[in-house]
Amino acid sequence: MKAIGFFGGTFAPIHNGHLRLAIELKEALGLDVVHVTPSARPPHRAHPGISAERRLDWVRLAVGDEPGLFVDDRELRRATQGLLSYTCDSLADLKREQPESRLFLLLGDDAANQLPSWHRWRELFELAHVVVVERPGQRSEPGAELADFLRGRKVDAARALHESPHGLWLSITVPPLAISSTRIRSLLQAGRSVRGLVPEPVIRSLTPEDVRALTIEEAAIHD
């Protein structure tokens, strides 16, 4: 049975931390492939200042021919119909396409702790396992509603996820790579280099308009 990771984000811009995390999780969880999925119209934050099409271009450049990573544009295709990027819809689409697969929703701990605010969040567990990446030395603390829902769903090994079709929660740590989109936008705003933080093909593709849009986005976030 094929094991598919679903790794979504705005990726404004995608950076080496994103790529390394996707690779680490693929290997640690024994996944066949990780779908790197740009969000077109994220419902939980302001619309990114960079177009979804441009962010998808960057994801394609960054992923390149890396084995086991797949650039998934389904949320951009859905946006052409005026629809928001709801994760439950994306997972349902993927399950319809590959009904014999096991799906693994890959989340950072901040996103995971906000899960009860997500659209139809309980349905996520009917479609996939949820894998939460915790910061080293820091345990995730879900709120009361989520903690109550997770009783009997938590496991402590990836093996258990492969033995059940969906519905389980695994917290995992991976070697940290301290890179953030916020820092990258701040460096660009200051006119400094982002080499080593952002994949070279993405750096080479950046236009003055891209840099201007990214720095405007960073300023808006901190207003």
N, C-alpha and C. Protein backbone atom coordinates (compact mmCIF):
# COMPACT_ATOMS: atom_id res chain seq x y z
N MET A 1 0.85 -1.19 0.00
CA MET A 1 0.00 0.00 0.00
C MET A 1 0.89 1.24 0.00
N LYS A 2 0.62 2.16 -0.93
CA LYS A 2 1.45 3.35 -1.08
C LYS A 2 1.23 4.30 0.09
N ALA A 3 2.32 4.83 0.63
CA ALA A 3 2.27 5.79 1.73
C ALA A 3 2.62 7.17 1.19
N ILE A 4 1.67 8.12 1.30
CA ILE A 4 1.82 9.44 0.71
C ILE A 4 1.78 10.50 1.82
N GLY A 5 2.80 11.32 1.88
CA GLY A 5 2.81 12.46 2.78
C GLY A 5 2.23 13.68 2.09
N PHE A 6 1.48 14.49 2.84
CA PHE A 6 0.90 15.73 2.32
C PHE A 6 1.49 16.88 3.12
N PHE A 7 2.28 17.72 2.44
CA PHE A 7 3.03 18.80 3.08
C PHE A 7 2.62 20.11 2.42
N GLY A 8 1.73 20.86 3.06
CA GLY A 8 1.22 22.09 2.49
C GLY A 8 1.84 23.31 3.12
N GLY A 9 1.68 24.44 2.44
CA GLY A 9 2.20 25.70 2.96
C GLY A 9 2.05 26.80 1.94
N THR A 10 2.25 28.05 2.38
CA THR A 10 2.22 29.15 1.43
C THR A 10 3.51 29.21 0.62
N PHE A 11 4.65 28.83 1.26
CA PHE A 11 5.94 28.80 0.58
C PHE A 11 6.24 30.15 -0.07
N ALA A 12 6.30 31.19 0.79
CA ALA A 12 6.54 32.56 0.31
C ALA A 12 7.79 33.16 0.96
N PRO A 13 8.98 32.69 0.56
CA PRO A 13 9.24 31.69 -0.48
C PRO A 13 9.54 30.33 0.14
N ILE A 14 9.55 29.29 -0.70
CA ILE A 14 10.04 28.00 -0.25
C ILE A 14 11.53 28.11 0.04
N HIS A 15 12.01 27.39 1.05
CA HIS A 15 13.43 27.48 1.40
C HIS A 15 13.98 26.10 1.72
N ASN A 16 15.28 26.08 2.02
CA ASN A 16 15.94 24.80 2.25
C ASN A 16 15.42 24.08 3.49
N GLY A 17 14.90 24.82 4.46
CA GLY A 17 14.30 24.17 5.62
C GLY A 17 13.07 23.37 5.24
N HIS A 18 12.25 23.91 4.36
CA HIS A 18 11.08 23.17 3.88
C HIS A 18 11.51 21.88 3.19
N LEU A 19 12.49 22.00 2.29
CA LEU A 19 12.92 20.82 1.54
C LEU A 19 13.51 19.76 2.46
N ARG A 20 14.37 20.20 3.38
CA ARG A 20 15.01 19.24 4.26
C ARG A 20 13.99 18.55 5.15
N LEU A 21 12.99 19.30 5.62
CA LEU A 21 11.95 18.71 6.46
C LEU A 21 11.17 17.66 5.68
N ALA A 22 10.81 17.95 4.44
CA ALA A 22 10.07 16.99 3.63
C ALA A 22 10.88 15.70 3.44
N ILE A 23 12.17 15.86 3.20
CA ILE A 23 13.03 14.68 2.99
C ILE A 23 13.19 13.89 4.28
N GLU A 24 13.42 14.59 5.40
CA GLU A 24 13.59 13.93 6.70
C GLU A 24 12.33 13.13 7.05
N LEU A 25 11.16 13.73 6.83
CA LEU A 25 9.91 13.04 7.18
C LEU A 25 9.66 11.85 6.26
N LYS A 26 9.96 12.01 4.99
CA LYS A 26 9.80 10.88 4.08
C LYS A 26 10.61 9.68 4.56
N GLU A 27 11.85 9.93 4.96
CA GLU A 27 12.72 8.84 5.38
C GLU A 27 12.33 8.30 6.75
N ALA A 28 12.02 9.19 7.69
CA ALA A 28 11.70 8.75 9.05
C ALA A 28 10.39 7.97 9.11
N LEU A 29 9.45 8.33 8.26
CA LEU A 29 8.12 7.71 8.29
C LEU A 29 7.98 6.56 7.29
N GLY A 30 8.98 6.36 6.45
CA GLY A 30 8.90 5.30 5.44
C GLY A 30 7.86 5.61 4.38
N LEU A 31 7.80 6.87 3.94
CA LEU A 31 6.83 7.26 2.92
C LEU A 31 7.38 6.98 1.52
N ASP A 32 6.48 6.70 0.60
CA ASP A 32 6.89 6.53 -0.79
C ASP A 32 7.10 7.86 -1.47
N VAL A 33 6.29 8.85 -1.11
CA VAL A 33 6.37 10.16 -1.75
C VAL A 33 5.77 11.20 -0.81
N VAL A 34 6.27 12.43 -0.92
CA VAL A 34 5.69 13.57 -0.21
C VAL A 34 5.19 14.55 -1.25
N HIS A 35 3.89 14.89 -1.17
CA HIS A 35 3.31 15.90 -2.04
C HIS A 35 3.54 17.28 -1.42
N VAL A 36 4.37 18.08 -2.05
CA VAL A 36 4.63 19.45 -1.61
C VAL A 36 3.59 20.32 -2.29
N THR A 37 2.69 20.91 -1.49
CA THR A 37 1.45 21.48 -2.01
C THR A 37 1.29 22.94 -1.63
N PRO A 38 1.56 23.86 -2.56
CA PRO A 38 1.34 25.28 -2.24
C PRO A 38 -0.13 25.58 -2.02
N SER A 39 -0.39 26.37 -1.00
CA SER A 39 -1.76 26.83 -0.73
C SER A 39 -2.05 28.05 -1.60
N ALA A 40 -3.16 28.01 -2.32
CA ALA A 40 -3.49 29.13 -3.21
C ALA A 40 -4.19 30.26 -2.46
N ARG A 41 -5.23 29.89 -1.72
CA ARG A 41 -6.02 30.88 -0.96
C ARG A 41 -6.16 30.38 0.47
N PRO A 42 -5.10 30.54 1.30
CA PRO A 42 -5.14 29.98 2.66
C PRO A 42 -6.21 30.66 3.51
N PRO A 43 -7.05 29.87 4.18
CA PRO A 43 -8.15 30.46 4.95
C PRO A 43 -7.73 31.01 6.32
N HIS A 44 -6.52 30.65 6.81
CA HIS A 44 -6.14 31.00 8.18
C HIS A 44 -5.17 32.17 8.26
N ARG A 45 -4.89 32.81 7.13
CA ARG A 45 -3.98 33.95 7.16
C ARG A 45 -4.31 34.85 5.99
N ALA A 46 -3.74 36.05 6.01
CA ALA A 46 -3.96 36.96 4.89
C ALA A 46 -3.42 36.34 3.61
N HIS A 47 -4.06 36.70 2.50
CA HIS A 47 -3.61 36.17 1.22
C HIS A 47 -2.17 36.61 0.98
N PRO A 48 -1.26 35.68 0.63
CA PRO A 48 0.14 36.06 0.40
C PRO A 48 0.26 37.14 -0.67
N GLY A 49 1.24 38.03 -0.47
CA GLY A 49 1.46 39.10 -1.44
C GLY A 49 2.00 38.60 -2.76
N ILE A 50 2.56 37.40 -2.78
CA ILE A 50 3.07 36.79 -4.00
C ILE A 50 1.99 35.90 -4.59
N SER A 51 1.81 35.95 -5.88
CA SER A 51 0.76 35.15 -6.50
C SER A 51 1.00 33.66 -6.28
N ALA A 52 -0.08 32.91 -6.27
CA ALA A 52 0.03 31.46 -6.11
C ALA A 52 0.82 30.85 -7.26
N GLU A 53 0.66 31.40 -8.45
CA GLU A 53 1.38 30.85 -9.61
C GLU A 53 2.88 31.03 -9.45
N ARG A 54 3.29 32.19 -8.92
CA ARG A 54 4.72 32.43 -8.73
C ARG A 54 5.28 31.51 -7.64
N ARG A 55 4.52 31.34 -6.57
CA ARG A 55 4.98 30.45 -5.50
C ARG A 55 5.07 29.01 -5.99
N LEU A 56 4.14 28.61 -6.86
CA LEU A 56 4.22 27.27 -7.46
C LEU A 56 5.47 27.14 -8.32
N ASP A 57 5.80 28.18 -9.08
CA ASP A 57 7.04 28.16 -9.87
C ASP A 57 8.24 27.89 -8.98
N TRP A 58 8.29 28.57 -7.84
CA TRP A 58 9.43 28.41 -6.92
C TRP A 58 9.49 26.99 -6.36
N VAL A 59 8.32 26.45 -6.01
CA VAL A 59 8.31 25.08 -5.49
C VAL A 59 8.83 24.11 -6.54
N ARG A 60 8.41 24.28 -7.78
CA ARG A 60 8.91 23.41 -8.84
C ARG A 60 10.42 23.54 -9.02
N LEU A 61 10.92 24.78 -8.99
CA LEU A 61 12.37 24.98 -9.11
C LEU A 61 13.11 24.35 -7.94
N ALA A 62 12.55 24.51 -6.73
CA ALA A 62 13.22 24.00 -5.53
C ALA A 62 13.24 22.48 -5.48
N VAL A 63 12.11 21.87 -5.81
CA VAL A 63 12.02 20.40 -5.74
C VAL A 63 12.83 19.76 -6.85
N GLY A 64 12.79 20.34 -8.04
CA GLY A 64 13.56 19.79 -9.16
C GLY A 64 13.26 18.33 -9.36
N ASP A 65 14.32 17.53 -9.43
CA ASP A 65 14.14 16.08 -9.63
C ASP A 65 14.48 15.31 -8.36
N GLU A 66 14.28 15.94 -7.19
CA GLU A 66 14.56 15.26 -5.92
C GLU A 66 13.68 14.01 -5.81
N PRO A 67 14.28 12.84 -5.65
CA PRO A 67 13.48 11.60 -5.57
C PRO A 67 12.52 11.63 -4.38
N GLY A 68 11.29 11.22 -4.62
CA GLY A 68 10.33 11.09 -3.54
C GLY A 68 9.58 12.36 -3.19
N LEU A 69 9.87 13.48 -3.86
CA LEU A 69 9.09 14.70 -3.66
C LEU A 69 8.31 14.99 -4.93
N PHE A 70 7.03 15.35 -4.76
CA PHE A 70 6.14 15.60 -5.89
C PHE A 70 5.46 16.94 -5.69
N VAL A 71 5.54 17.81 -6.68
CA VAL A 71 4.89 19.11 -6.60
C VAL A 71 3.41 18.95 -6.98
N ASP A 72 2.55 19.27 -6.04
CA ASP A 72 1.10 19.05 -6.20
C ASP A 72 0.43 20.42 -6.33
N ASP A 73 -0.19 20.68 -7.47
CA ASP A 73 -0.80 21.99 -7.72
C ASP A 73 -2.32 21.98 -7.54
N ARG A 74 -2.87 21.00 -6.85
CA ARG A 74 -4.32 20.84 -6.78
C ARG A 74 -5.00 22.06 -6.16
N GLU A 75 -4.37 22.72 -5.20
CA GLU A 75 -5.05 23.84 -4.56
C GLU A 75 -5.09 25.07 -5.46
N LEU A 76 -4.12 25.21 -6.36
CA LEU A 76 -4.19 26.28 -7.35
C LEU A 76 -5.29 25.99 -8.37
N ARG A 77 -5.41 24.72 -8.75
CA ARG A 77 -6.47 24.37 -9.69
C ARG A 77 -7.84 24.62 -9.08
N ARG A 78 -7.96 24.34 -7.78
CA ARG A 78 -9.23 24.59 -7.10
C ARG A 78 -9.52 26.09 -7.01
N ALA A 79 -8.46 26.89 -6.86
CA ALA A 79 -8.65 28.34 -6.73
C ALA A 79 -9.23 28.95 -8.00
N THR A 80 -9.01 28.33 -9.15
CA THR A 80 -9.60 28.85 -10.39
C THR A 80 -11.12 28.78 -10.36
N GLN A 81 -11.65 27.98 -9.42
CA GLN A 81 -13.10 27.89 -9.23
C GLN A 81 -13.57 28.78 -8.08
N GLY A 82 -12.64 29.60 -7.55
CA GLY A 82 -12.96 30.50 -6.45
C GLY A 82 -13.00 29.84 -5.09
N LEU A 83 -12.38 28.66 -4.97
CA LEU A 83 -12.45 27.89 -3.72
C LEU A 83 -11.22 28.12 -2.86
N LEU A 84 -11.41 28.12 -1.54
CA LEU A 84 -10.30 28.24 -0.60
C LEU A 84 -9.50 26.94 -0.53
N SER A 85 -8.30 27.04 0.05
CA SER A 85 -7.40 25.89 0.14
C SER A 85 -7.66 25.12 1.44
N TYR A 86 -8.77 24.40 1.51
CA TYR A 86 -9.07 23.61 2.69
C TYR A 86 -8.36 22.25 2.58
N THR A 87 -7.61 21.93 3.63
CA THR A 87 -6.83 20.69 3.61
C THR A 87 -7.72 19.46 3.50
N CYS A 88 -8.88 19.49 4.15
CA CYS A 88 -9.76 18.31 4.08
C CYS A 88 -10.19 18.04 2.64
N ASP A 89 -10.40 19.09 1.85
CA ASP A 89 -10.78 18.90 0.45
C ASP A 89 -9.62 18.31 -0.35
N SER A 90 -8.41 18.80 -0.07
CA SER A 90 -7.24 18.28 -0.79
C SER A 90 -7.00 16.81 -0.46
N LEU A 91 -7.12 16.45 0.80
CA LEU A 91 -6.92 15.05 1.17
C LEU A 91 -8.01 14.17 0.58
N ALA A 92 -9.25 14.67 0.56
CA ALA A 92 -10.34 13.89 -0.03
C ALA A 92 -10.10 13.68 -1.52
N ASP A 93 -9.63 14.72 -2.22
CA ASP A 93 -9.29 14.58 -3.64
C ASP A 93 -8.22 13.52 -3.84
N LEU A 94 -7.18 13.61 -3.03
CA LEU A 94 -6.05 12.68 -3.16
C LEU A 94 -6.49 11.24 -2.88
N LYS A 95 -7.37 11.08 -1.91
CA LYS A 95 -7.86 9.74 -1.57
C LYS A 95 -8.71 9.18 -2.70
N ARG A 96 -9.50 10.04 -3.34
CA ARG A 96 -10.29 9.57 -4.48
C ARG A 96 -9.39 9.13 -5.63
N GLU A 97 -8.30 9.85 -5.83
CA GLU A 97 -7.37 9.52 -6.91
C GLU A 97 -6.61 8.22 -6.62
N GLN A 98 -6.26 8.03 -5.36
CA GLN A 98 -5.44 6.88 -4.98
C GLN A 98 -6.08 6.19 -3.77
N PRO A 99 -7.20 5.50 -3.98
CA PRO A 99 -7.97 4.95 -2.86
C PRO A 99 -7.23 3.88 -2.07
N GLU A 100 -6.25 3.24 -2.67
CA GLU A 100 -5.52 2.19 -1.95
C GLU A 100 -4.33 2.73 -1.15
N SER A 101 -4.16 4.05 -1.16
CA SER A 101 -3.00 4.63 -0.48
C SER A 101 -3.33 4.94 0.99
N ARG A 102 -2.27 5.09 1.79
CA ARG A 102 -2.38 5.64 3.14
C ARG A 102 -1.85 7.07 3.08
N LEU A 103 -2.61 8.01 3.66
CA LEU A 103 -2.23 9.41 3.63
C LEU A 103 -1.70 9.84 5.00
N PHE A 104 -0.67 10.68 4.96
CA PHE A 104 -0.03 11.20 6.17
C PHE A 104 -0.01 12.73 6.05
N LEU A 105 -0.79 13.42 6.89
CA LEU A 105 -0.80 14.87 6.91
C LEU A 105 0.36 15.35 7.78
N LEU A 106 1.28 16.10 7.21
CA LEU A 106 2.50 16.53 7.88
C LEU A 106 2.35 17.98 8.33
N LEU A 107 2.43 18.21 9.65
CA LEU A 107 2.18 19.54 10.22
C LEU A 107 3.27 19.94 11.19
N GLY A 108 3.54 21.23 11.27
CA GLY A 108 4.33 21.77 12.38
C GLY A 108 3.48 21.85 13.62
N ASP A 109 4.12 21.96 14.78
CA ASP A 109 3.34 21.93 16.03
C ASP A 109 2.43 23.14 16.19
N ASP A 110 2.83 24.30 15.67
CA ASP A 110 1.96 25.48 15.78
C ASP A 110 0.66 25.24 15.02
N ALA A 111 0.77 24.75 13.79
CA ALA A 111 -0.43 24.47 12.99
C ALA A 111 -1.27 23.38 13.65
N ALA A 112 -0.61 22.35 14.16
CA ALA A 112 -1.34 21.24 14.76
C ALA A 112 -2.15 21.69 15.97
N ASN A 113 -1.60 22.58 16.79
CA ASN A 113 -2.31 23.03 17.97
C ASN A 113 -3.53 23.88 17.62
N GLN A 114 -3.55 24.43 16.40
CA GLN A 114 -4.69 25.23 15.95
C GLN A 114 -5.71 24.40 15.17
N LEU A 115 -5.53 23.09 15.16
CA LEU A 115 -6.35 22.23 14.32
C LEU A 115 -7.86 22.42 14.54
N PRO A 116 -8.35 22.59 15.78
CA PRO A 116 -9.80 22.75 15.96
C PRO A 116 -10.39 23.98 15.28
N SER A 117 -9.55 24.91 14.83
CA SER A 117 -10.07 26.07 14.11
C SER A 117 -10.16 25.81 12.61
N TRP A 118 -9.68 24.63 12.16
CA TRP A 118 -9.67 24.31 10.73
C TRP A 118 -11.06 23.85 10.27
N HIS A 119 -11.31 24.05 9.00
CA HIS A 119 -12.56 23.64 8.37
C HIS A 119 -12.70 22.11 8.40
N ARG A 120 -13.78 21.61 9.00
CA ARG A 120 -14.07 20.17 9.07
C ARG A 120 -12.85 19.37 9.54
N TRP A 121 -12.26 19.82 10.64
CA TRP A 121 -10.98 19.26 11.05
C TRP A 121 -11.07 17.80 11.46
N ARG A 122 -12.19 17.40 12.03
CA ARG A 122 -12.31 15.99 12.44
C ARG A 122 -12.27 15.05 11.23
N GLU A 123 -12.72 15.54 10.08
CA GLU A 123 -12.69 14.70 8.88
C GLU A 123 -11.27 14.38 8.43
N LEU A 124 -10.31 15.21 8.83
CA LEU A 124 -8.92 14.92 8.48
C LEU A 124 -8.52 13.52 8.96
N PHE A 125 -9.02 13.14 10.13
CA PHE A 125 -8.65 11.85 10.72
C PHE A 125 -9.39 10.69 10.07
N GLU A 126 -10.44 10.99 9.29
CA GLU A 126 -11.12 9.95 8.52
C GLU A 126 -10.42 9.69 7.19
N LEU A 127 -9.48 10.57 6.86
CA LEU A 127 -8.78 10.48 5.58
C LEU A 127 -7.31 10.13 5.73
N ALA A 128 -6.71 10.52 6.86
CA ALA A 128 -5.25 10.45 6.97
C ALA A 128 -4.83 10.26 8.41
N HIS A 129 -3.57 9.90 8.59
CA HIS A 129 -2.89 10.04 9.87
C HIS A 129 -2.33 11.46 9.95
N VAL A 130 -2.16 11.96 11.16
CA VAL A 130 -1.58 13.29 11.36
C VAL A 130 -0.23 13.13 12.04
N VAL A 131 0.79 13.68 11.41
CA VAL A 131 2.15 13.62 11.94
C VAL A 131 2.59 15.04 12.27
N VAL A 132 2.94 15.27 13.53
CA VAL A 132 3.27 16.61 14.02
C VAL A 132 4.76 16.69 14.30
N VAL A 133 5.40 17.67 13.70
CA VAL A 133 6.83 17.88 13.91
C VAL A 133 7.00 18.84 15.08
N GLU A 134 7.58 18.32 16.15
CA GLU A 134 7.80 19.14 17.34
C GLU A 134 9.20 19.75 17.32
N ARG A 135 9.33 20.89 17.96
CA ARG A 135 10.64 21.50 18.13
C ARG A 135 11.44 20.67 19.12
N PRO A 136 12.73 20.43 18.87
CA PRO A 136 13.54 19.65 19.82
C PRO A 136 13.50 20.25 21.22
N GLY A 137 13.24 19.40 22.21
CA GLY A 137 13.21 19.84 23.59
C GLY A 137 11.94 20.55 24.00
N GLN A 138 10.94 20.57 23.14
CA GLN A 138 9.70 21.28 23.44
C GLN A 138 8.51 20.42 23.06
N ARG A 139 7.72 20.00 24.04
CA ARG A 139 6.57 19.15 23.79
C ARG A 139 5.38 19.97 23.32
N SER A 140 4.65 19.43 22.36
CA SER A 140 3.44 20.09 21.87
C SER A 140 2.36 20.02 22.95
N GLU A 141 1.60 21.11 23.10
CA GLU A 141 0.55 21.17 24.12
C GLU A 141 -0.78 21.51 23.46
N PRO A 142 -1.50 20.50 22.94
CA PRO A 142 -2.80 20.79 22.33
C PRO A 142 -3.80 21.28 23.36
N GLY A 143 -4.74 22.11 22.90
CA GLY A 143 -5.78 22.60 23.78
C GLY A 143 -6.72 21.49 24.23
N ALA A 144 -7.64 21.85 25.11
CA ALA A 144 -8.50 20.85 25.74
C ALA A 144 -9.35 20.10 24.72
N GLU A 145 -9.92 20.81 23.74
CA GLU A 145 -10.79 20.15 22.76
C GLU A 145 -10.01 19.13 21.94
N LEU A 146 -8.83 19.52 21.49
CA LEU A 146 -8.02 18.61 20.69
C LEU A 146 -7.48 17.48 21.55
N ALA A 147 -7.03 17.79 22.76
CA ALA A 147 -6.51 16.75 23.64
C ALA A 147 -7.57 15.68 23.93
N ASP A 148 -8.81 16.12 24.13
CA ASP A 148 -9.90 15.16 24.37
C ASP A 148 -10.14 14.30 23.14
N PHE A 149 -10.11 14.91 21.96
CA PHE A 149 -10.34 14.17 20.71
C PHE A 149 -9.24 13.15 20.48
N LEU A 150 -8.03 13.45 20.91
CA LEU A 150 -6.88 12.59 20.61
C LEU A 150 -6.74 11.39 21.55
N ARG A 151 -7.61 11.28 22.55
CA ARG A 151 -7.51 10.13 23.45
C ARG A 151 -7.69 8.84 22.66
N GLY A 152 -6.71 7.95 22.77
CA GLY A 152 -6.75 6.69 22.06
C GLY A 152 -6.22 6.76 20.64
N ARG A 153 -5.83 7.94 20.19
CA ARG A 153 -5.33 8.09 18.82
C ARG A 153 -3.82 8.26 18.76
N LYS A 154 -3.19 8.59 19.86
CA LYS A 154 -1.75 8.87 19.84
C LYS A 154 -0.95 7.58 19.79
N VAL A 155 0.06 7.56 18.94
CA VAL A 155 0.99 6.43 18.87
C VAL A 155 2.40 6.98 18.99
N ASP A 156 3.34 6.09 19.25
CA ASP A 156 4.71 6.56 19.47
C ASP A 156 5.71 6.01 18.46
N ALA A 157 5.22 5.39 17.38
CA ALA A 157 6.12 4.86 16.36
C ALA A 157 5.46 4.90 15.00
N ALA A 158 6.26 5.18 13.98
CA ALA A 158 5.73 5.25 12.61
C ALA A 158 5.13 3.93 12.17
N ARG A 159 5.63 2.83 12.68
CA ARG A 159 5.13 1.51 12.30
C ARG A 159 3.63 1.40 12.52
N ALA A 160 3.14 1.97 13.61
CA ALA A 160 1.71 1.90 13.92
C ALA A 160 0.87 2.60 12.86
N LEU A 161 1.41 3.63 12.24
CA LEU A 161 0.66 4.34 11.20
C LEU A 161 0.48 3.46 9.96
N HIS A 162 1.48 2.64 9.68
CA HIS A 162 1.40 1.78 8.50
C HIS A 162 0.49 0.58 8.74
N GLU A 163 0.14 0.33 9.98
CA GLU A 163 -0.70 -0.82 10.31
C GLU A 163 -2.18 -0.45 10.45
N SER A 164 -2.49 0.84 10.28
CA SER A 164 -3.87 1.32 10.41
C SER A 164 -4.18 2.24 9.23
N PRO A 165 -5.41 2.25 8.73
CA PRO A 165 -5.70 3.02 7.52
C PRO A 165 -5.66 4.54 7.71
N HIS A 166 -6.03 5.03 8.88
CA HIS A 166 -6.10 6.48 9.12
C HIS A 166 -6.45 6.71 10.58
N GLY A 167 -6.46 7.98 10.98
CA GLY A 167 -7.02 8.36 12.27
C GLY A 167 -6.07 8.46 13.44
N LEU A 168 -4.77 8.23 13.23
CA LEU A 168 -3.81 8.26 14.34
C LEU A 168 -2.99 9.54 14.32
N TRP A 169 -2.36 9.81 15.47
CA TRP A 169 -1.56 11.03 15.66
C TRP A 169 -0.18 10.62 16.17
N LEU A 170 0.85 11.06 15.49
CA LEU A 170 2.23 10.79 15.89
C LEU A 170 2.99 12.10 16.00
N SER A 171 3.62 12.33 17.15
CA SER A 171 4.53 13.46 17.30
C SER A 171 5.95 12.98 17.04
N ILE A 172 6.71 13.78 16.31
CA ILE A 172 8.04 13.36 15.89
C ILE A 172 8.97 14.58 15.92
N THR A 173 10.23 14.35 16.19
CA THR A 173 11.24 15.41 16.05
C THR A 173 12.21 15.00 14.96
N VAL A 174 12.71 15.99 14.25
CA VAL A 174 13.72 15.76 13.23
C VAL A 174 14.86 16.73 13.49
N PRO A 175 16.06 16.45 12.97
CA PRO A 175 17.17 17.39 13.17
C PRO A 175 16.78 18.79 12.68
N PRO A 176 16.95 19.80 13.53
CA PRO A 176 16.46 21.14 13.17
C PRO A 176 17.35 21.81 12.12
N LEU A 177 16.70 22.59 11.28
CA LEU A 177 17.38 23.45 10.32
C LEU A 177 16.71 24.82 10.47
N ALA A 178 17.39 25.70 11.21
CA ALA A 178 16.76 26.95 11.65
C ALA A 178 16.68 27.97 10.52
N ILE A 179 15.72 27.76 9.65
CA ILE A 179 15.47 28.67 8.53
C ILE A 179 13.99 28.99 8.53
N SER A 180 13.65 30.26 8.31
CA SER A 180 12.24 30.63 8.25
C SER A 180 12.01 31.59 7.09
N SER A 181 10.79 31.54 6.56
CA SER A 181 10.41 32.48 5.50
C SER A 181 10.46 33.91 6.01
N THR A 182 10.11 34.11 7.28
CA THR A 182 10.16 35.45 7.86
C THR A 182 11.57 36.01 7.82
N ARG A 183 12.55 35.21 8.22
CA ARG A 183 13.94 35.68 8.19
C ARG A 183 14.39 35.98 6.76
N ILE A 184 14.00 35.12 5.83
CA ILE A 184 14.40 35.32 4.44
C ILE A 184 13.81 36.63 3.91
N ARG A 185 12.54 36.89 4.19
CA ARG A 185 11.94 38.14 3.74
C ARG A 185 12.62 39.34 4.38
N SER A 186 13.00 39.21 5.67
CA SER A 186 13.69 40.31 6.35
C SER A 186 15.06 40.57 5.72
N LEU A 187 15.77 39.51 5.37
CA LEU A 187 17.07 39.68 4.72
C LEU A 187 16.91 40.36 3.36
N LEU A 188 15.92 39.93 2.60
CA LEU A 188 15.68 40.57 1.31
C LEU A 188 15.32 42.04 1.48
N GLN A 189 14.55 42.33 2.51
CA GLN A 189 14.14 43.70 2.78
C GLN A 189 15.37 44.57 3.08
N ALA A 190 16.37 43.96 3.72
CA ALA A 190 17.60 44.69 4.06
C ALA A 190 18.62 44.66 2.94
N GLY A 191 18.29 44.01 1.82
CA GLY A 191 19.23 43.93 0.71
C GLY A 191 20.37 42.96 0.94
N ARG A 192 20.16 41.98 1.81
CA ARG A 192 21.22 41.03 2.15
C ARG A 192 21.02 39.71 1.41
N SER A 193 22.07 38.90 1.37
CA SER A 193 22.04 37.63 0.64
C SER A 193 21.20 36.59 1.38
N VAL A 194 20.52 35.75 0.61
CA VAL A 194 19.79 34.60 1.17
C VAL A 194 20.41 33.30 0.68
N ARG A 195 21.63 33.37 0.16
CA ARG A 195 22.29 32.15 -0.31
C ARG A 195 22.53 31.20 0.86
N GLY A 196 22.28 29.92 0.63
CA GLY A 196 22.37 28.91 1.68
C GLY A 196 21.05 28.68 2.39
N LEU A 197 20.15 29.64 2.27
CA LEU A 197 18.82 29.52 2.89
C LEU A 197 17.76 29.12 1.88
N VAL A 198 17.92 29.58 0.66
CA VAL A 198 16.96 29.35 -0.42
C VAL A 198 17.64 28.57 -1.53
N PRO A 199 16.98 27.60 -2.13
CA PRO A 199 17.60 26.84 -3.22
C PRO A 199 18.10 27.75 -4.34
N GLU A 200 19.26 27.42 -4.87
CA GLU A 200 19.89 28.25 -5.89
C GLU A 200 18.97 28.53 -7.09
N PRO A 201 18.24 27.53 -7.62
CA PRO A 201 17.36 27.85 -8.76
C PRO A 201 16.32 28.91 -8.43
N VAL A 202 15.85 28.92 -7.17
CA VAL A 202 14.87 29.92 -6.77
C VAL A 202 15.53 31.29 -6.68
N ILE A 203 16.74 31.34 -6.10
CA ILE A 203 17.46 32.62 -6.02
C ILE A 203 17.68 33.19 -7.41
N ARG A 204 18.10 32.34 -8.33
CA ARG A 204 18.38 32.83 -9.69
C ARG A 204 17.13 33.32 -10.39
N SER A 205 15.97 32.82 -9.98
CA SER A 205 14.72 33.21 -10.63
C SER A 205 14.13 34.50 -10.08
N LEU A 206 14.61 34.96 -8.90
CA LEU A 206 14.01 36.12 -8.26
C LEU A 206 14.20 37.37 -9.11
N THR A 207 13.11 38.06 -9.35
CA THR A 207 13.14 39.33 -10.07
C THR A 207 13.02 40.47 -9.05
N PRO A 208 13.35 41.70 -9.46
CA PRO A 208 13.14 42.84 -8.55
C PRO A 208 11.69 42.93 -8.08
N GLU A 209 10.75 42.57 -8.95
CA GLU A 209 9.33 42.59 -8.57
C GLU A 209 9.03 41.56 -7.49
N ASP A 210 9.66 40.36 -7.60
CA ASP A 210 9.49 39.34 -6.57
C ASP A 210 9.99 39.84 -5.23
N VAL A 211 11.19 40.39 -5.23
CA VAL A 211 11.79 40.87 -3.98
C VAL A 211 10.93 41.97 -3.37
N ARG A 212 10.44 42.88 -4.22
CA ARG A 212 9.59 43.96 -3.73
C ARG A 212 8.32 43.40 -3.09
N ALA A 213 7.70 42.42 -3.74
CA ALA A 213 6.47 41.84 -3.21
C ALA A 213 6.72 41.10 -1.90
N LEU A 214 7.82 40.38 -1.81
CA LEU A 214 8.14 39.66 -0.58
C LEU A 214 8.41 40.62 0.57
N THR A 215 9.11 41.71 0.30
CA THR A 215 9.41 42.65 1.38
C THR A 215 8.16 43.42 1.79
N ILE A 216 7.26 43.68 0.83
CA ILE A 216 5.98 44.31 1.18
C ILE A 216 5.17 43.37 2.08
N GLU A 217 5.19 42.07 1.75
CA GLU A 217 4.47 41.09 2.57
C GLU A 217 5.04 41.07 3.99
N GLU A 218 6.37 41.09 4.10
CA GLU A 218 6.98 41.04 5.44
C GLU A 218 6.60 42.27 6.23
N ALA A 219 6.59 43.45 5.60
CA ALA A 219 6.18 44.66 6.30
C ALA A 219 4.73 44.58 6.75
N ALA A 220 3.86 44.02 5.89
CA ALA A 220 2.43 43.91 6.24
C ALA A 220 2.22 42.99 7.42
N ILE A 221 2.99 41.89 7.49
CA ILE A 221 2.85 40.94 8.59
C ILE A 221 3.16 41.60 9.92
N HIS A 222 4.10 42.56 9.91
CA HIS A 222 4.53 43.18 11.17
C HIS A 222 3.85 44.52 11.43
N ASP A 223 2.91 44.93 10.59
CA ASP A 223 2.17 46.16 10.84
C ASP A 223 1.22 46.00 12.03
